[in-house]
Amino acid sequence: MGRNDQFKHIPRTCLAFSKKLEQLGIMHYAEEYIGTHGNKVSSEDGRILNEMLPFFNENLDFGN
């Protein structure tokens, strides 16, 4: 979540969701970064290419 997200509900609800997962004993991690909603998301050095897609590749099974 972006600490400076212009959509003020996003950081608050992401934190609440993370706390709920923790209460339920669901292993996860929540990441807060300094930036806005779209800061460093889809650029070459952004989180989609460098964090999200590699995470999905390592953790999702598409049955292939």
N, C-alpha and C. Protein backbone atom coordinates (compact mmCIF):
# COMPACT_ATOMS: atom_id res chain seq x y z
N MET A 1 0.84 -1.17 0.00
CA MET A 1 0.00 0.00 0.00
C MET A 1 0.88 1.23 0.00
N GLY A 2 0.45 2.23 -0.69
CA GLY A 2 1.20 3.48 -0.72
C GLY A 2 0.82 4.36 0.47
N ARG A 3 1.80 4.73 1.23
CA ARG A 3 1.56 5.56 2.41
C ARG A 3 0.86 6.86 2.06
N ASN A 4 1.15 7.40 0.88
CA ASN A 4 0.59 8.68 0.45
C ASN A 4 -0.49 8.51 -0.61
N ASP A 5 -1.18 7.39 -0.59
CA ASP A 5 -2.22 7.11 -1.57
C ASP A 5 -3.28 8.21 -1.52
N GLN A 6 -3.67 8.71 -2.68
CA GLN A 6 -4.70 9.74 -2.72
C GLN A 6 -6.08 9.19 -2.38
N PHE A 7 -6.24 7.87 -2.47
CA PHE A 7 -7.47 7.21 -2.05
C PHE A 7 -7.28 6.82 -0.59
N LYS A 8 -7.69 7.68 0.32
CA LYS A 8 -7.35 7.57 1.73
C LYS A 8 -7.83 6.28 2.39
N HIS A 9 -8.85 5.64 1.83
CA HIS A 9 -9.35 4.41 2.43
C HIS A 9 -8.42 3.21 2.17
N ILE A 10 -7.59 3.26 1.16
CA ILE A 10 -6.79 2.10 0.78
C ILE A 10 -5.77 1.73 1.85
N PRO A 11 -4.89 2.63 2.31
CA PRO A 11 -3.96 2.21 3.36
C PRO A 11 -4.67 1.71 4.62
N ARG A 12 -5.73 2.40 5.00
CA ARG A 12 -6.47 2.03 6.21
C ARG A 12 -7.10 0.64 6.08
N THR A 13 -7.74 0.36 4.94
CA THR A 13 -8.40 -0.93 4.78
C THR A 13 -7.40 -2.06 4.53
N CYS A 14 -6.28 -1.76 3.89
CA CYS A 14 -5.23 -2.77 3.72
C CYS A 14 -4.68 -3.20 5.07
N LEU A 15 -4.47 -2.24 5.95
CA LEU A 15 -3.98 -2.56 7.28
C LEU A 15 -5.01 -3.37 8.06
N ALA A 16 -6.27 -3.00 7.96
CA ALA A 16 -7.34 -3.75 8.65
C ALA A 16 -7.43 -5.18 8.11
N PHE A 17 -7.30 -5.35 6.80
CA PHE A 17 -7.33 -6.68 6.19
C PHE A 17 -6.15 -7.52 6.68
N SER A 18 -4.97 -6.92 6.74
CA SER A 18 -3.79 -7.62 7.23
C SER A 18 -3.97 -8.06 8.68
N LYS A 19 -4.52 -7.19 9.50
CA LYS A 19 -4.76 -7.54 10.90
C LYS A 19 -5.76 -8.68 11.02
N LYS A 20 -6.78 -8.68 10.18
CA LYS A 20 -7.77 -9.76 10.21
C LYS A 20 -7.13 -11.09 9.80
N LEU A 21 -6.32 -11.07 8.76
CA LEU A 21 -5.62 -12.29 8.36
C LEU A 21 -4.74 -12.80 9.50
N GLU A 22 -4.07 -11.88 10.19
CA GLU A 22 -3.23 -12.26 11.33
C GLU A 22 -4.07 -12.91 12.43
N GLN A 23 -5.23 -12.33 12.74
CA GLN A 23 -6.11 -12.89 13.76
C GLN A 23 -6.57 -14.29 13.40
N LEU A 24 -6.74 -14.54 12.10
CA LEU A 24 -7.19 -15.85 11.63
C LEU A 24 -6.04 -16.84 11.48
N GLY A 25 -4.83 -16.39 11.75
CA GLY A 25 -3.67 -17.27 11.66
C GLY A 25 -3.21 -17.53 10.24
N ILE A 26 -3.56 -16.65 9.32
CA ILE A 26 -3.18 -16.81 7.91
C ILE A 26 -1.85 -16.11 7.67
N MET A 27 -0.85 -16.90 7.30
CA MET A 27 0.48 -16.35 7.05
C MET A 27 0.44 -15.42 5.83
N HIS A 28 1.00 -14.24 5.98
CA HIS A 28 1.03 -13.27 4.90
C HIS A 28 2.01 -12.17 5.29
N TYR A 29 2.24 -11.26 4.39
CA TYR A 29 2.94 -10.05 4.76
C TYR A 29 2.29 -8.89 4.04
N ALA A 30 2.31 -7.76 4.71
CA ALA A 30 1.76 -6.53 4.13
C ALA A 30 2.93 -5.57 3.96
N GLU A 31 2.94 -4.89 2.85
CA GLU A 31 4.04 -3.99 2.54
C GLU A 31 3.53 -2.57 2.35
N GLU A 32 4.10 -1.67 3.08
CA GLU A 32 3.79 -0.25 2.91
C GLU A 32 5.02 0.40 2.27
N TYR A 33 4.80 1.17 1.26
CA TYR A 33 5.89 1.88 0.61
C TYR A 33 5.57 3.37 0.62
N ILE A 34 6.60 4.17 0.52
CA ILE A 34 6.40 5.62 0.47
C ILE A 34 6.11 5.98 -0.97
N GLY A 35 4.88 6.39 -1.23
CA GLY A 35 4.47 6.74 -2.57
C GLY A 35 2.97 6.88 -2.66
N THR A 36 2.51 7.14 -3.86
CA THR A 36 1.09 7.32 -4.12
C THR A 36 0.49 6.02 -4.67
N HIS A 37 -0.75 6.10 -5.10
CA HIS A 37 -1.46 4.93 -5.61
C HIS A 37 -0.76 4.29 -6.80
N GLY A 38 -0.25 5.09 -7.71
CA GLY A 38 0.36 4.55 -8.92
C GLY A 38 1.87 4.67 -8.98
N ASN A 39 2.49 5.09 -7.87
CA ASN A 39 3.93 5.31 -7.83
C ASN A 39 4.69 4.01 -8.02
N LYS A 40 5.54 3.98 -9.06
CA LYS A 40 6.39 2.82 -9.35
C LYS A 40 5.60 1.50 -9.40
N VAL A 41 4.51 1.51 -10.15
CA VAL A 41 3.70 0.30 -10.27
C VAL A 41 4.03 -0.42 -11.57
N SER A 42 3.85 0.22 -12.69
CA SER A 42 3.99 -0.48 -13.97
C SER A 42 5.21 -0.05 -14.78
N SER A 43 6.09 0.74 -14.21
CA SER A 43 7.31 1.12 -14.92
C SER A 43 8.29 -0.06 -14.92
N GLU A 44 9.39 0.07 -15.64
CA GLU A 44 10.37 -1.01 -15.71
C GLU A 44 10.91 -1.39 -14.34
N ASP A 45 11.02 -0.42 -13.45
CA ASP A 45 11.49 -0.71 -12.10
C ASP A 45 10.34 -0.81 -11.11
N GLY A 46 9.14 -1.00 -11.63
CA GLY A 46 7.94 -1.03 -10.79
C GLY A 46 7.66 -2.36 -10.13
N ARG A 47 6.69 -2.35 -9.25
CA ARG A 47 6.35 -3.52 -8.44
C ARG A 47 5.67 -4.63 -9.23
N ILE A 48 4.94 -4.31 -10.29
CA ILE A 48 4.27 -5.38 -11.06
C ILE A 48 5.31 -6.32 -11.66
N LEU A 49 6.26 -5.76 -12.39
CA LEU A 49 7.27 -6.60 -13.05
C LEU A 49 8.25 -7.24 -12.07
N ASN A 50 8.61 -6.53 -11.04
CA ASN A 50 9.70 -6.97 -10.17
C ASN A 50 9.27 -7.69 -8.90
N GLU A 51 8.01 -7.54 -8.52
CA GLU A 51 7.55 -8.19 -7.29
C GLU A 51 6.30 -9.03 -7.49
N MET A 52 5.27 -8.44 -8.11
CA MET A 52 4.00 -9.13 -8.21
C MET A 52 4.06 -10.34 -9.15
N LEU A 53 4.52 -10.16 -10.36
CA LEU A 53 4.56 -11.28 -11.30
C LEU A 53 5.50 -12.39 -10.84
N PRO A 54 6.71 -12.08 -10.34
CA PRO A 54 7.54 -13.17 -9.82
C PRO A 54 6.88 -13.90 -8.64
N PHE A 55 6.17 -13.17 -7.78
CA PHE A 55 5.47 -13.79 -6.66
C PHE A 55 4.41 -14.77 -7.18
N PHE A 56 3.59 -14.33 -8.14
CA PHE A 56 2.57 -15.21 -8.70
C PHE A 56 3.21 -16.43 -9.36
N ASN A 57 4.28 -16.22 -10.09
CA ASN A 57 4.96 -17.32 -10.77
C ASN A 57 5.45 -18.38 -9.77
N GLU A 58 5.92 -17.94 -8.64
CA GLU A 58 6.45 -18.87 -7.64
C GLU A 58 5.36 -19.51 -6.79
N ASN A 59 4.21 -18.87 -6.65
CA ASN A 59 3.23 -19.34 -5.67
C ASN A 59 1.91 -19.83 -6.23
N LEU A 60 1.64 -19.61 -7.49
CA LEU A 60 0.36 -20.08 -8.07
C LEU A 60 0.60 -21.28 -8.96
N ASP A 61 -0.30 -22.22 -8.92
CA ASP A 61 -0.22 -23.41 -9.77
C ASP A 61 -1.37 -23.34 -10.76
N PHE A 62 -1.03 -23.21 -12.03
CA PHE A 62 -2.04 -23.11 -13.08
C PHE A 62 -2.37 -24.47 -13.69
N GLY A 63 -1.85 -25.54 -13.11
CA GLY A 63 -2.17 -26.88 -13.57
C GLY A 63 -1.52 -27.25 -14.89
N ASN A 64 -0.49 -26.59 -15.28
CA ASN A 64 0.19 -26.91 -16.55
C ASN A 64 1.33 -27.85 -16.34
